[in-house]
């Protein structure tokens, strides 16, 4: 059995594609995969009731990605992968990355392949490219490693040990988000306004540094301010929607210390920071949206 967890980005999405560090937190919801020997290779996805065969020439990205994963293992028997997905797709929670990590983890265990969770996450980047073009790599690393991580392209991932557990509320707008389109939108804006882009990226970098200090010292008010400021930057990049704004405002009205888009934007989810777990439950109950509460610590 293999597992890949979901994730939220606390600070730094989109900027991370352009070389700025970002801070992500793994969530316990995710994707579970079971690998077993069979007569032919197949991938079965629930709750959607879909089945795929590995096919490098298919129009379906899942079939191509599945083919790529299996082709990386030599001298193996045919495998059947049964997968249970407990994350909404296109919601900014890293569903595709969690799927890739869970599949690789299950195949590794079935074939006796030993590798660290960090190595597992790095290998899963190849899977992510089938869905997001040129992903930063933060989703697959966070899915594999869990906990709170500082990620920067080209640098070793760093684990952050928060001084206190984080009580987060994740709420789904009900609108789908397309990561590839949103990344292209941001890249276009940065190319058209290079001076402004540099200032914006510098500001996000400063927010990441502030957020890491706040995490390490348990300063959740400061962390909440960083989330709010990051949301304003994402909104200036045209990544928000009226529904996402409504959810962030409702969370703050219910006492959230900070609330923001998490992930690509244009739909998907928000994440709100609560004072404690009871407070998080009250915030979640106040929102007119599908939501869940997540307690995040330094543990993987």
C-alpha atoms as a PDB file:
ATOM      1  CA  UNK A   1       0.000   0.000   0.000  1.00  0.00           C
ATOM      2  CA  UNK A   2       1.257   3.464  -0.897  1.00  0.00           C
ATOM      3  CA  UNK A   3       0.155   6.913   0.214  1.00  0.00           C
ATOM      4  CA  UNK A   4       0.520  10.465  -1.052  1.00  0.00           C
ATOM      5  CA  UNK A   5      -0.815  13.342   1.024  1.00  0.00           C
ATOM      6  CA  UNK A   6      -2.418  16.576  -0.056  1.00  0.00           C
ATOM      7  CA  UNK A   7      -0.933  19.958   0.709  1.00  0.00           C
ATOM      8  CA  UNK A   8      -1.675  23.620   1.238  1.00  0.00           C
ATOM      9  CA  UNK A   9       0.735  26.418   0.444  1.00  0.00           C
ATOM     10  CA  UNK A  10       0.924  28.883   3.304  1.00  0.00           C
ATOM     11  CA  UNK A  11       3.058  31.477   1.522  1.00  0.00           C
ATOM     12  CA  UNK A  12       4.676  31.675  -1.884  1.00  0.00           C
ATOM     13  CA  UNK A  13       2.579  29.959  -4.573  1.00  0.00           C
ATOM     14  CA  UNK A  14       3.309  31.157  -8.119  1.00  0.00           C
ATOM     15  CA  UNK A  15       6.392  33.032  -6.925  1.00  0.00           C
ATOM     16  CA  UNK A  16       7.944  29.606  -6.290  1.00  0.00           C
ATOM     17  CA  UNK A  17       7.789  28.940 -10.053  1.00  0.00           C
ATOM     18  CA  UNK A  18      10.044  31.992 -10.510  1.00  0.00           C
ATOM     19  CA  UNK A  19      12.753  31.045  -8.030  1.00  0.00           C
ATOM     20  CA  UNK A  20      11.318  32.388  -4.771  1.00  0.00           C
ATOM     21  CA  UNK A  21      11.013  29.974  -1.820  1.00  0.00           C
ATOM     22  CA  UNK A  22       7.596  28.899  -0.592  1.00  0.00           C
ATOM     23  CA  UNK A  23       6.255  27.266   2.558  1.00  0.00           C
ATOM     24  CA  UNK A  24       3.916  24.300   2.241  1.00  0.00           C
ATOM     25  CA  UNK A  25       2.145  22.148   4.805  1.00  0.00           C
ATOM     26  CA  UNK A  26       1.107  18.564   4.191  1.00  0.00           C
ATOM     27  CA  UNK A  27      -2.445  17.481   5.011  1.00  0.00           C
ATOM     28  CA  UNK A  28      -3.637  14.061   6.112  1.00  0.00           C
ATOM     29  CA  UNK A  29      -6.171  13.698   3.324  1.00  0.00           C
ATOM     30  CA  UNK A  30      -4.676  12.219   0.225  1.00  0.00           C
ATOM     31  CA  UNK A  31      -4.516   9.247  -2.115  1.00  0.00           C
ATOM     32  CA  UNK A  32      -4.052   5.575  -1.211  1.00  0.00           C
ATOM     33  CA  UNK A  33      -2.859   3.010  -3.767  1.00  0.00           C
ATOM     34  CA  UNK A  34      -2.605  -0.781  -3.568  1.00  0.00           C
ATOM     35  CA  UNK A  35      -0.308  -2.616  -6.004  1.00  0.00           C
ATOM     36  CA  UNK A  36      -0.593  -6.331  -6.690  1.00  0.00           C
ATOM     37  CA  UNK A  37       0.561  -8.737  -9.375  1.00  0.00           C
ATOM     38  CA  UNK A  38      -1.928  -9.276 -12.203  1.00  0.00           C
ATOM     39  CA  UNK A  39      -2.234 -10.568 -15.768  1.00  0.00           C
ATOM     40  CA  UNK A  40      -1.832  -7.073 -17.238  1.00  0.00           C
ATOM     41  CA  UNK A  41      -0.971  -3.562 -16.132  1.00  0.00           C
ATOM     42  CA  UNK A  42      -3.982  -1.483 -15.106  1.00  0.00           C
ATOM     43  CA  UNK A  43      -4.909   1.528 -13.001  1.00  0.00           C
ATOM     44  CA  UNK A  44      -8.330   1.711 -11.313  1.00  0.00           C
ATOM     45  CA  UNK A  45      -9.452   5.018  -9.787  1.00  0.00           C
ATOM     46  CA  UNK A  46     -12.160   5.452  -7.176  1.00  0.00           C
ATOM     47  CA  UNK A  47     -14.502   7.174  -6.467  1.00  0.00           C
ATOM     48  CA  UNK A  48     -14.709   7.895 -10.213  1.00  0.00           C
ATOM     49  CA  UNK A  49     -14.872   4.288 -11.395  1.00  0.00           C
ATOM     50  CA  UNK A  50     -12.300   4.846 -14.149  1.00  0.00           C
ATOM     51  CA  UNK A  51      -9.726   2.377 -15.478  1.00  0.00           C
ATOM     52  CA  UNK A  52      -6.593   3.123 -17.472  1.00  0.00           C
ATOM     53  CA  UNK A  53      -3.945   1.083 -19.225  1.00  0.00           C
ATOM     54  CA  UNK A  54      -0.406   2.421 -19.655  1.00  0.00           C
ATOM     55  CA  UNK A  55      -0.206   4.072 -23.076  1.00  0.00           C
ATOM     56  CA  UNK A  56       2.551   6.487 -24.069  1.00  0.00           C
ATOM     57  CA  UNK A  57       0.600   7.684 -27.139  1.00  0.00           C
ATOM     58  CA  UNK A  58      -2.791   8.174 -25.453  1.00  0.00           C
ATOM     59  CA  UNK A  59      -4.653  11.485 -25.482  1.00  0.00           C
ATOM     60  CA  UNK A  60      -5.340  10.878 -21.781  1.00  0.00           C
ATOM     61  CA  UNK A  61      -2.572  12.302 -19.525  1.00  0.00           C
ATOM     62  CA  UNK A  62      -3.250   9.680 -16.851  1.00  0.00           C
ATOM     63  CA  UNK A  63      -2.540   6.853 -19.286  1.00  0.00           C
ATOM     64  CA  UNK A  64       0.701   8.514 -20.439  1.00  0.00           C
ATOM     65  CA  UNK A  65       1.831   9.277 -16.895  1.00  0.00           C
ATOM     66  CA  UNK A  66       1.027   5.724 -15.783  1.00  0.00           C
ATOM     67  CA  UNK A  67       3.108   4.394 -18.675  1.00  0.00           C
ATOM     68  CA  UNK A  68       6.035   6.612 -17.650  1.00  0.00           C
ATOM     69  CA  UNK A  69       5.935   5.433 -14.053  1.00  0.00           C
ATOM     70  CA  UNK A  70       5.847   1.744 -14.951  1.00  0.00           C
ATOM     71  CA  UNK A  71       8.588   2.104 -17.580  1.00  0.00           C
ATOM     72  CA  UNK A  72      11.006   3.270 -14.887  1.00  0.00           C
ATOM     73  CA  UNK A  73      10.959  -0.219 -13.306  1.00  0.00           C
ATOM     74  CA  UNK A  74      12.908  -2.997 -15.011  1.00  0.00           C
ATOM     75  CA  UNK A  75      12.118  -6.721 -15.015  1.00  0.00           C
ATOM     76  CA  UNK A  76       8.836  -6.432 -13.154  1.00  0.00           C
ATOM     77  CA  UNK A  77       5.619  -8.462 -13.323  1.00  0.00           C
ATOM     78  CA  UNK A  78       2.384  -6.893 -14.623  1.00  0.00           C
ATOM     79  CA  UNK A  79       0.704  -4.853 -11.886  1.00  0.00           C
ATOM     80  CA  UNK A  80      -2.810  -3.818 -10.999  1.00  0.00           C
ATOM     81  CA  UNK A  81      -3.049  -0.523  -9.087  1.00  0.00           C
ATOM     82  CA  UNK A  82      -6.241   0.157  -7.132  1.00  0.00           C
ATOM     83  CA  UNK A  83      -6.408   3.769  -6.040  1.00  0.00           C
ATOM     84  CA  UNK A  84      -8.696   5.651  -3.679  1.00  0.00           C
ATOM     85  CA  UNK A  85      -8.649   9.455  -4.050  1.00  0.00           C
ATOM     86  CA  UNK A  86      -9.780  11.523  -1.056  1.00  0.00           C
ATOM     87  CA  UNK A  87      -8.877  14.932  -2.488  1.00  0.00           C
ATOM     88  CA  UNK A  88     -10.886  17.060  -4.920  1.00  0.00           C
ATOM     89  CA  UNK A  89      -9.106  17.458  -8.273  1.00  0.00           C
ATOM     90  CA  UNK A  90      -8.327  20.952  -9.525  1.00  0.00           C
ATOM     91  CA  UNK A  91      -8.664  22.425  -6.049  1.00  0.00           C
ATOM     92  CA  UNK A  92      -5.103  23.533  -5.259  1.00  0.00           C
ATOM     93  CA  UNK A  93      -4.565  20.703  -2.779  1.00  0.00           C
ATOM     94  CA  UNK A  94      -2.076  18.724  -4.869  1.00  0.00           C
ATOM     95  CA  UNK A  95      -4.375  15.919  -6.000  1.00  0.00           C
ATOM     96  CA  UNK A  96      -2.322  14.961  -9.062  1.00  0.00           C
ATOM     97  CA  UNK A  97       0.926  14.982  -7.078  1.00  0.00           C
ATOM     98  CA  UNK A  98      -0.613  12.835  -4.345  1.00  0.00           C
ATOM     99  CA  UNK A  99      -1.777  10.378  -6.978  1.00  0.00           C
ATOM    100  CA  UNK A 100       1.721  10.086  -8.447  1.00  0.00           C
ATOM    101  CA  UNK A 101       3.379   9.716  -5.053  1.00  0.00           C
ATOM    102  CA  UNK A 102       0.905   7.050  -3.931  1.00  0.00           C
ATOM    103  CA  UNK A 103       1.414   5.019  -7.121  1.00  0.00           C
ATOM    104  CA  UNK A 104       5.195   5.151  -6.908  1.00  0.00           C
ATOM    105  CA  UNK A 105       5.099   4.299  -3.217  1.00  0.00           C
ATOM    106  CA  UNK A 106       2.854   1.279  -3.832  1.00  0.00           C
ATOM    107  CA  UNK A 107       4.934  -0.027  -6.755  1.00  0.00           C
ATOM    108  CA  UNK A 108       8.158   0.474  -4.757  1.00  0.00           C
ATOM    109  CA  UNK A 109       6.778  -1.605  -1.901  1.00  0.00           C
ATOM    110  CA  UNK A 110       5.392  -4.300  -4.203  1.00  0.00           C
ATOM    111  CA  UNK A 111       8.770  -4.690  -5.925  1.00  0.00           C
ATOM    112  CA  UNK A 112      10.974  -4.236  -2.855  1.00  0.00           C
ATOM    113  CA  UNK A 113      12.453  -0.913  -4.004  1.00  0.00           C
ATOM    114  CA  UNK A 114      13.906   1.127  -1.135  1.00  0.00           C
ATOM    115  CA  UNK A 115      13.995   4.930  -1.295  1.00  0.00           C
ATOM    116  CA  UNK A 116      13.441   7.818   1.089  1.00  0.00           C
ATOM    117  CA  UNK A 117      10.259   9.869   1.097  1.00  0.00           C
ATOM    118  CA  UNK A 118      12.269  12.830  -0.209  1.00  0.00           C
ATOM    119  CA  UNK A 119      13.555  10.720  -3.109  1.00  0.00           C
ATOM    120  CA  UNK A 120      10.026   9.461  -3.740  1.00  0.00           C
ATOM    121  CA  UNK A 121       8.780  13.038  -3.993  1.00  0.00           C
ATOM    122  CA  UNK A 122      11.583  14.006  -6.359  1.00  0.00           C
ATOM    123  CA  UNK A 123      10.834  11.088  -8.697  1.00  0.00           C
ATOM    124  CA  UNK A 124       7.131  12.015  -8.709  1.00  0.00           C
ATOM    125  CA  UNK A 125       7.982  15.318 -10.428  1.00  0.00           C
ATOM    126  CA  UNK A 126       8.105  13.424 -13.730  1.00  0.00           C
ATOM    127  CA  UNK A 127       4.479  12.382 -13.162  1.00  0.00           C
ATOM    128  CA  UNK A 128       3.465  15.990 -12.391  1.00  0.00           C
ATOM    129  CA  UNK A 129       4.834  17.242 -15.713  1.00  0.00           C
ATOM    130  CA  UNK A 130       2.093  15.366 -17.559  1.00  0.00           C
ATOM    131  CA  UNK A 131      -0.535  17.510 -15.847  1.00  0.00           C
ATOM    132  CA  UNK A 132       1.070  20.894 -15.178  1.00  0.00           C
ATOM    133  CA  UNK A 133       3.711  21.387 -17.869  1.00  0.00           C
ATOM    134  CA  UNK A 134       6.548  22.926 -15.853  1.00  0.00           C
ATOM    135  CA  UNK A 135       5.606  22.498 -12.169  1.00  0.00           C
ATOM    136  CA  UNK A 136       7.863  23.916  -9.466  1.00  0.00           C
ATOM    137  CA  UNK A 137       8.068  20.557  -7.668  1.00  0.00           C
ATOM    138  CA  UNK A 138       6.614  21.761  -4.385  1.00  0.00           C
ATOM    139  CA  UNK A 139       3.415  19.678  -4.609  1.00  0.00           C
ATOM    140  CA  UNK A 140       5.117  16.314  -5.088  1.00  0.00           C
ATOM    141  CA  UNK A 141       7.713  16.985  -2.370  1.00  0.00           C
ATOM    142  CA  UNK A 142       5.055  18.107   0.123  1.00  0.00           C
ATOM    143  CA  UNK A 143       2.890  15.103  -0.774  1.00  0.00           C
ATOM    144  CA  UNK A 144       5.701  12.663  -0.100  1.00  0.00           C
ATOM    145  CA  UNK A 145       7.245  14.267   2.990  1.00  0.00           C
ATOM    146  CA  UNK A 146       4.347  15.884   4.856  1.00  0.00           C
ATOM    147  CA  UNK A 147       4.869  18.285   7.751  1.00  0.00           C
ATOM    148  CA  UNK A 148       5.867  21.907   7.144  1.00  0.00           C
ATOM    149  CA  UNK A 149       8.479  22.486   4.464  1.00  0.00           C
ATOM    150  CA  UNK A 150      10.390  25.354   2.912  1.00  0.00           C
ATOM    151  CA  UNK A 151      10.907  24.625  -0.777  1.00  0.00           C
ATOM    152  CA  UNK A 152      12.978  26.434  -3.384  1.00  0.00           C
ATOM    153  CA  UNK A 153      13.687  25.149  -6.859  1.00  0.00           C
ATOM    154  CA  UNK A 154      17.224  23.847  -7.174  1.00  0.00           C
ATOM    155  CA  UNK A 155      17.855  23.764  -3.413  1.00  0.00           C
ATOM    156  CA  UNK A 156      17.437  20.981  -0.836  1.00  0.00           C
ATOM    157  CA  UNK A 157      14.043  21.085   0.842  1.00  0.00           C
ATOM    158  CA  UNK A 158      14.126  22.225   4.476  1.00  0.00           C
ATOM    159  CA  UNK A 159      11.795  20.946   7.144  1.00  0.00           C
ATOM    160  CA  UNK A 160      10.387  23.605   9.481  1.00  0.00           C
ATOM    161  CA  UNK A 161       9.498  22.669  13.054  1.00  0.00           C
ATOM    162  CA  UNK A 162       6.665  24.966  14.180  1.00  0.00           C
ATOM    163  CA  UNK A 163       6.749  25.957  17.831  1.00  0.00           C
ATOM    164  CA  UNK A 164       3.057  25.101  18.005  1.00  0.00           C
ATOM    165  CA  UNK A 165       0.660  23.085  15.883  1.00  0.00           C
ATOM    166  CA  UNK A 166      -1.218  24.978  13.203  1.00  0.00           C
ATOM    167  CA  UNK A 167      -5.000  24.834  13.140  1.00  0.00           C
ATOM    168  CA  UNK A 168      -6.054  25.322   9.539  1.00  0.00           C
ATOM    169  CA  UNK A 169      -9.399  25.446   7.787  1.00  0.00           C
ATOM    170  CA  UNK A 170      -9.452  24.431   4.132  1.00  0.00           C
ATOM    171  CA  UNK A 171     -12.580  25.442   2.213  1.00  0.00           C
ATOM    172  CA  UNK A 172     -13.437  24.597  -1.400  1.00  0.00           C
ATOM    173  CA  UNK A 173     -14.930  27.328  -3.572  1.00  0.00           C
ATOM    174  CA  UNK A 174     -16.687  24.764  -5.757  1.00  0.00           C
ATOM    175  CA  UNK A 175     -14.901  26.258  -8.768  1.00  0.00           C
ATOM    176  CA  UNK A 176     -12.272  24.242 -10.668  1.00  0.00           C
ATOM    177  CA  UNK A 177      -8.747  25.614 -10.959  1.00  0.00           C
ATOM    178  CA  UNK A 178      -6.396  24.982 -13.883  1.00  0.00           C
ATOM    179  CA  UNK A 179      -2.799  25.214 -12.694  1.00  0.00           C
ATOM    180  CA  UNK A 180      -1.264  25.368 -16.167  1.00  0.00           C
ATOM    181  CA  UNK A 181      -3.513  28.275 -17.229  1.00  0.00           C
ATOM    182  CA  UNK A 182      -2.951  30.204 -13.991  1.00  0.00           C
ATOM    183  CA  UNK A 183       0.836  29.783 -14.185  1.00  0.00           C
ATOM    184  CA  UNK A 184       0.745  31.061 -17.778  1.00  0.00           C
ATOM    185  CA  UNK A 185      -1.371  34.056 -16.712  1.00  0.00           C
ATOM    186  CA  UNK A 186       1.113  35.036 -14.005  1.00  0.00           C
ATOM    187  CA  UNK A 187       4.124  34.527 -16.286  1.00  0.00           C
ATOM    188  CA  UNK A 188       2.527  36.794 -18.882  1.00  0.00           C
ATOM    189  CA  UNK A 189       1.940  39.553 -16.329  1.00  0.00           C
ATOM    190  CA  UNK A 190       5.489  39.317 -15.016  1.00  0.00           C
ATOM    191  CA  UNK A 191       6.893  39.545 -18.537  1.00  0.00           C
ATOM    192  CA  UNK A 192       4.768  42.592 -19.353  1.00  0.00           C
ATOM    193  CA  UNK A 193       5.675  44.460 -16.130  1.00  0.00           C
ATOM    194  CA  UNK A 194       9.229  43.395 -15.210  1.00  0.00           C
ATOM    195  CA  UNK A 195       9.946  46.142 -12.661  1.00  0.00           C
ATOM    196  CA  UNK A 196       6.680  45.545 -10.836  1.00  0.00           C
ATOM    197  CA  UNK A 197       7.262  41.798 -11.084  1.00  0.00           C
ATOM    198  CA  UNK A 198      10.637  42.083  -9.385  1.00  0.00           C
ATOM    199  CA  UNK A 199       9.142  44.115  -6.533  1.00  0.00           C
ATOM    200  CA  UNK A 200       6.307  41.631  -6.136  1.00  0.00           C
ATOM    201  CA  UNK A 201       8.640  38.626  -6.054  1.00  0.00           C
ATOM    202  CA  UNK A 202      10.888  40.398  -3.554  1.00  0.00           C
ATOM    203  CA  UNK A 203       7.882  41.095  -1.340  1.00  0.00           C
ATOM    204  CA  UNK A 204       6.782  37.461  -1.447  1.00  0.00           C
ATOM    205  CA  UNK A 205      10.321  36.393  -0.575  1.00  0.00           C
ATOM    206  CA  UNK A 206      10.234  38.698   2.462  1.00  0.00           C
ATOM    207  CA  UNK A 207       6.856  37.253   3.468  1.00  0.00           C
ATOM    208  CA  UNK A 208       8.268  33.720   3.295  1.00  0.00           C
ATOM    209  CA  UNK A 209      11.127  34.728   5.604  1.00  0.00           C
ATOM    210  CA  UNK A 210       8.678  36.406   8.001  1.00  0.00           C
ATOM    211  CA  UNK A 211       6.386  33.367   7.942  1.00  0.00           C
ATOM    212  CA  UNK A 212       9.232  30.979   8.730  1.00  0.00           C
ATOM    213  CA  UNK A 213      10.288  33.068  11.727  1.00  0.00           C
ATOM    214  CA  UNK A 214       6.670  33.202  12.900  1.00  0.00           C
ATOM    215  CA  UNK A 215       6.362  29.415  12.574  1.00  0.00           C
ATOM    216  CA  UNK A 216       9.559  28.706  14.471  1.00  0.00           C
ATOM    217  CA  UNK A 217       8.558  31.044  17.310  1.00  0.00           C
ATOM    218  CA  UNK A 218       4.858  30.184  17.472  1.00  0.00           C
ATOM    219  CA  UNK A 219       3.841  33.718  16.510  1.00  0.00           C
ATOM    220  CA  UNK A 220       0.548  32.862  14.861  1.00  0.00           C
ATOM    221  CA  UNK A 221      -0.667  36.473  14.668  1.00  0.00           C
ATOM    222  CA  UNK A 222       2.372  37.334  12.560  1.00  0.00           C
ATOM    223  CA  UNK A 223       1.803  34.232  10.447  1.00  0.00           C
ATOM    224  CA  UNK A 224      -1.807  35.266   9.877  1.00  0.00           C
ATOM    225  CA  UNK A 225      -0.687  38.710   8.695  1.00  0.00           C
ATOM    226  CA  UNK A 226       1.698  37.058   6.234  1.00  0.00           C
ATOM    227  CA  UNK A 227      -1.149  34.945   4.839  1.00  0.00           C
ATOM    228  CA  UNK A 228      -3.358  38.005   4.396  1.00  0.00           C
ATOM    229  CA  UNK A 229      -0.617  39.989   2.667  1.00  0.00           C
ATOM    230  CA  UNK A 230       0.184  37.078   0.366  1.00  0.00           C
ATOM    231  CA  UNK A 231      -3.498  36.876  -0.550  1.00  0.00           C
ATOM    232  CA  UNK A 232      -3.519  40.546  -1.546  1.00  0.00           C
ATOM    233  CA  UNK A 233      -0.560  39.916  -3.855  1.00  0.00           C
ATOM    234  CA  UNK A 234      -2.265  36.912  -5.421  1.00  0.00           C
ATOM    235  CA  UNK A 235      -5.393  39.007  -5.908  1.00  0.00           C
ATOM    236  CA  UNK A 236      -3.314  41.689  -7.669  1.00  0.00           C
ATOM    237  CA  UNK A 237      -2.173  38.950 -10.061  1.00  0.00           C
ATOM    238  CA  UNK A 238      -5.839  38.351 -11.020  1.00  0.00           C
ATOM    239  CA  UNK A 239      -5.858  34.907  -9.390  1.00  0.00           C
ATOM    240  CA  UNK A 240      -8.828  35.469  -7.114  1.00  0.00           C
ATOM    241  CA  UNK A 241     -12.525  35.178  -7.893  1.00  0.00           C
ATOM    242  CA  UNK A 242     -15.598  36.682  -6.209  1.00  0.00           C
ATOM    243  CA  UNK A 243     -16.256  33.305  -4.564  1.00  0.00           C
ATOM    244  CA  UNK A 244     -12.706  33.057  -3.186  1.00  0.00           C
ATOM    245  CA  UNK A 245     -12.966  36.627  -1.883  1.00  0.00           C
ATOM    246  CA  UNK A 246     -16.275  35.780  -0.244  1.00  0.00           C
ATOM    247  CA  UNK A 247     -14.787  32.755   1.528  1.00  0.00           C
ATOM    248  CA  UNK A 248     -11.729  34.661   2.743  1.00  0.00           C
ATOM    249  CA  UNK A 249     -13.912  37.493   4.061  1.00  0.00           C
ATOM    250  CA  UNK A 250     -16.259  35.040   5.792  1.00  0.00           C
ATOM    251  CA  UNK A 251     -13.346  33.246   7.438  1.00  0.00           C
ATOM    252  CA  UNK A 252     -11.912  36.527   8.724  1.00  0.00           C
ATOM    253  CA  UNK A 253     -15.358  37.571   9.989  1.00  0.00           C
ATOM    254  CA  UNK A 254     -15.431  34.318  11.944  1.00  0.00           C
ATOM    255  CA  UNK A 255     -12.147  35.279  13.593  1.00  0.00           C
ATOM    256  CA  UNK A 256      -9.543  33.718  11.295  1.00  0.00           C
ATOM    257  CA  UNK A 257      -6.092  35.190  11.904  1.00  0.00           C
ATOM    258  CA  UNK A 258      -5.423  35.143   8.162  1.00  0.00           C
ATOM    259  CA  UNK A 259      -6.990  33.700   5.025  1.00  0.00           C
ATOM    260  CA  UNK A 260      -5.809  33.298   1.458  1.00  0.00           C
ATOM    261  CA  UNK A 261      -5.997  31.413  -1.793  1.00  0.00           C
ATOM    262  CA  UNK A 262      -3.957  28.232  -1.642  1.00  0.00           C
ATOM    263  CA  UNK A 263      -2.575  26.795  -4.849  1.00  0.00           C
ATOM    264  CA  UNK A 264      -2.999  28.091  -8.379  1.00  0.00           C
ATOM    265  CA  UNK A 265      -6.089  30.249  -7.842  1.00  0.00           C
ATOM    266  CA  UNK A 266      -8.806  31.042 -10.360  1.00  0.00           C
ATOM    267  CA  UNK A 267     -10.936  28.678  -8.276  1.00  0.00           C
ATOM    268  CA  UNK A 268     -10.012  25.863  -5.928  1.00  0.00           C
ATOM    269  CA  UNK A 269      -9.557  26.394  -2.197  1.00  0.00           C
ATOM    270  CA  UNK A 270      -8.730  28.903   0.469  1.00  0.00           C
ATOM    271  CA  UNK A 271      -6.827  28.203   3.657  1.00  0.00           C
ATOM    272  CA  UNK A 272      -7.569  30.056   6.899  1.00  0.00           C
ATOM    273  CA  UNK A 273      -5.490  30.115  10.079  1.00  0.00           C
ATOM    274  CA  UNK A 274      -7.332  29.644  13.387  1.00  0.00           C
ATOM    275  CA  UNK A 275      -6.209  30.223  16.955  1.00  0.00           C
ATOM    276  CA  UNK A 276      -6.750  26.597  17.951  1.00  0.00           C
ATOM    277  CA  UNK A 277      -8.633  23.482  16.877  1.00  0.00           C
ATOM    278  CA  UNK A 278     -11.951  24.485  18.478  1.00  0.00           C
ATOM    279  CA  UNK A 279     -11.728  27.869  16.787  1.00  0.00           C
ATOM    280  CA  UNK A 280     -10.997  26.132  13.471  1.00  0.00           C
ATOM    281  CA  UNK A 281     -14.148  24.022  13.813  1.00  0.00           C
ATOM    282  CA  UNK A 282     -16.230  27.137  14.437  1.00  0.00           C
ATOM    283  CA  UNK A 283     -14.762  28.848  11.375  1.00  0.00           C
ATOM    284  CA  UNK A 284     -15.405  25.794   9.206  1.00  0.00           C
ATOM    285  CA  UNK A 285     -18.993  25.569  10.446  1.00  0.00           C
ATOM    286  CA  UNK A 286     -19.565  29.231   9.578  1.00  0.00           C
ATOM    287  CA  UNK A 287     -18.540  28.862   5.934  1.00  0.00           C
ATOM    288  CA  UNK A 288     -21.025  28.120   3.188  1.00  0.00           C
ATOM    289  CA  UNK A 289     -18.638  25.667   1.538  1.00  0.00           C
ATOM    290  CA  UNK A 290     -17.283  22.146   1.709  1.00  0.00           C
ATOM    291  CA  UNK A 291     -14.469  22.416   4.251  1.00  0.00           C
ATOM    292  CA  UNK A 292     -12.283  20.482   6.638  1.00  0.00           C
ATOM    293  CA  UNK A 293     -10.024  21.226   9.591  1.00  0.00           C
ATOM    294  CA  UNK A 294      -6.368  20.231   9.567  1.00  0.00           C
ATOM    295  CA  UNK A 295      -3.957  20.181  12.493  1.00  0.00           C
ATOM    296  CA  UNK A 296      -0.414  20.533  11.142  1.00  0.00           C
ATOM    297  CA  UNK A 297       2.766  20.005  13.145  1.00  0.00           C
ATOM    298  CA  UNK A 298       6.391  19.353  12.218  1.00  0.00           C
ATOM    299  CA  UNK A 299       5.833  15.598  12.065  1.00  0.00           C
ATOM    300  CA  UNK A 300       6.000  13.919   8.668  1.00  0.00           C
END
